Amino acid sequence: QVQLVESGGGLVQPGGSLRLSCAASGLIPSMWHMGWYRQAPGKQLEMVATITSGGSTNYADSVKGRFTISRNNANNTMYLQMNTLRPEDTAVYYCKARHTTWTIEYWGQGTQVAVSS
């Protein structure tokens, strides 16, 4: 059974940093693309950053240069390093795993990030 567990969220001041983690279990890293998504209050879910099974990355324009996605296949964990945080980054952040071949995806339960002074 696949399980994704996010951690690392919290309250931070504008300009600060946070590192989110997504611990995956029950899946083989080479067979899954991964990604971070977020949903702010009253807004739609949006892609933040994705990383393929081979390590290629993609970012939303709003986070380019500030956020870095990475994954450690040895411990089956994905990360999102978030720097220079802004109030508009406030959202619930979710990790997602998508199979490289089949139409199967899994989501974590989310972790809250709040950026405020």
Protein backbone atom coordinates (compact mmCIF):
# COMPACT_ATOMS: atom_id res chain seq x y z
CA GLN A 1 0.00 0.00 0.00
CA VAL A 2 1.40 3.37 -1.05
CA GLN A 3 1.59 6.03 1.61
CA LEU A 4 2.86 9.61 1.35
CA VAL A 5 3.51 11.60 4.52
CA GLU A 6 4.43 15.29 4.40
CA SER A 7 6.20 17.15 7.17
CA GLY A 8 8.08 20.38 7.73
CA GLY A 9 5.33 22.94 7.45
CA GLY A 10 4.84 25.76 9.90
CA LEU A 11 4.71 29.49 10.45
CA VAL A 12 7.56 31.59 9.09
CA GLN A 13 8.17 35.29 8.57
CA PRO A 14 8.42 36.77 5.08
CA GLY A 15 11.88 36.20 3.69
CA GLY A 16 12.35 33.07 5.76
CA SER A 17 12.90 29.47 4.72
CA LEU A 18 11.28 26.09 5.25
CA ARG A 19 12.09 22.61 4.05
CA LEU A 20 9.22 20.24 3.37
CA SER A 21 9.66 16.50 3.25
CA CYS A 22 7.49 13.80 1.71
CA ALA A 23 8.26 10.31 2.95
CA ALA A 24 6.97 7.64 0.59
CA SER A 25 6.41 4.00 1.34
CA GLY A 26 5.12 1.13 -0.74
CA LEU A 27 6.48 2.34 -4.05
CA ILE A 28 9.60 1.86 -6.15
CA PRO A 29 11.13 5.30 -6.81
CA SER A 30 12.20 4.53 -10.38
CA MET A 31 8.58 3.89 -11.32
CA TRP A 32 7.09 7.12 -9.96
CA HIS A 33 7.27 10.79 -10.82
CA MET A 34 6.77 13.07 -7.81
CA GLY A 35 5.58 16.59 -7.23
CA TRP A 36 4.54 19.30 -4.80
CA TYR A 37 1.21 21.07 -5.13
CA ARG A 38 -0.44 23.71 -2.99
CA GLN A 39 -3.86 25.12 -2.29
CA ALA A 40 -4.32 28.53 -0.75
CA PRO A 41 -7.59 29.50 0.96
CA GLY A 42 -10.25 30.18 -1.64
CA LYS A 43 -7.99 29.22 -4.53
CA GLN A 44 -7.56 26.22 -6.78
CA LEU A 45 -4.92 23.60 -6.35
CA GLU A 46 -1.77 24.53 -8.26
CA MET A 47 1.45 22.80 -9.21
CA VAL A 48 4.49 24.10 -7.36
CA ALA A 49 7.27 21.81 -8.61
CA THR A 50 7.67 18.36 -10.08
CA ILE A 51 10.53 15.91 -10.40
CA THR A 52 10.57 12.92 -12.68
CA SER A 53 11.79 9.47 -11.80
CA GLY A 54 15.00 10.42 -13.61
CA GLY A 55 15.45 13.67 -11.74
CA SER A 56 14.26 16.27 -14.25
CA THR A 57 12.54 19.19 -12.56
CA ASN A 58 9.88 21.73 -13.42
CA TYR A 59 8.71 24.76 -11.44
CA ALA A 60 5.81 27.14 -11.40
CA ASP A 61 6.91 30.61 -12.50
CA SER A 62 5.95 32.03 -9.12
CA VAL A 63 8.55 29.92 -7.28
CA LYS A 64 11.40 29.74 -9.77
CA GLY A 65 14.66 30.81 -8.20
CA ARG A 66 13.23 30.51 -4.67
CA PHE A 67 12.18 26.86 -4.33
CA THR A 68 14.18 23.72 -5.05
CA ILE A 69 12.68 20.26 -5.42
CA SER A 70 14.80 17.16 -4.90
CA ARG A 71 14.42 13.50 -4.13
CA ASN A 72 16.51 10.87 -2.41
CA ASN A 73 15.59 7.51 -3.87
CA ALA A 74 17.72 5.67 -1.32
CA ASN A 75 15.38 6.69 1.50
CA ASN A 76 12.32 7.23 -0.70
CA THR A 77 11.90 10.87 0.30
CA MET A 78 11.16 14.01 -1.70
CA TYR A 79 12.00 17.51 -0.50
CA LEU A 80 11.01 21.07 -1.22
CA GLN A 81 13.45 23.70 -0.06
CA MET A 82 11.60 27.00 0.10
CA ASN A 83 13.60 30.21 0.44
CA THR A 84 12.64 33.87 0.42
CA LEU A 85 9.10 32.97 1.37
CA ARG A 86 6.30 35.42 0.67
CA PRO A 87 2.84 35.80 2.21
CA GLU A 88 1.37 34.54 -1.08
CA ASP A 89 3.16 31.22 -0.51
CA THR A 90 0.75 30.55 2.36
CA ALA A 91 -1.12 27.34 1.53
CA VAL A 92 -1.53 23.70 2.32
CA TYR A 93 1.24 21.85 0.49
CA TYR A 94 0.62 18.35 -0.83
CA CYS A 95 2.95 15.80 -2.33
CA LYS A 96 1.88 13.57 -5.16
CA ALA A 97 3.26 10.41 -6.70
CA ARG A 98 2.32 9.55 -10.29
CA HIS A 99 3.19 6.25 -11.92
CA THR A 100 5.50 6.58 -14.92
CA THR A 101 3.39 4.29 -17.09
CA TRP A 102 -0.05 3.67 -15.62
CA THR A 103 -2.73 6.21 -14.75
CA ILE A 104 -2.26 5.87 -11.02
CA GLU A 105 -1.50 8.62 -8.54
CA TYR A 106 -1.39 9.05 -4.80
CA TRP A 107 -1.56 12.13 -2.59
CA GLY A 108 -0.34 12.92 0.87
CA GLN A 109 -2.49 14.48 3.55
CA GLY A 110 -0.90 17.92 3.26
CA THR A 111 1.15 20.19 5.48
CA GLN A 112 0.29 23.81 6.28
CA VAL A 113 2.70 26.59 5.43
CA ALA A 114 1.92 30.07 6.72
CA VAL A 115 4.05 33.09 5.86
CA SER A 116 3.24 36.07 8.01
CA SER A 117 4.88 38.72 10.14
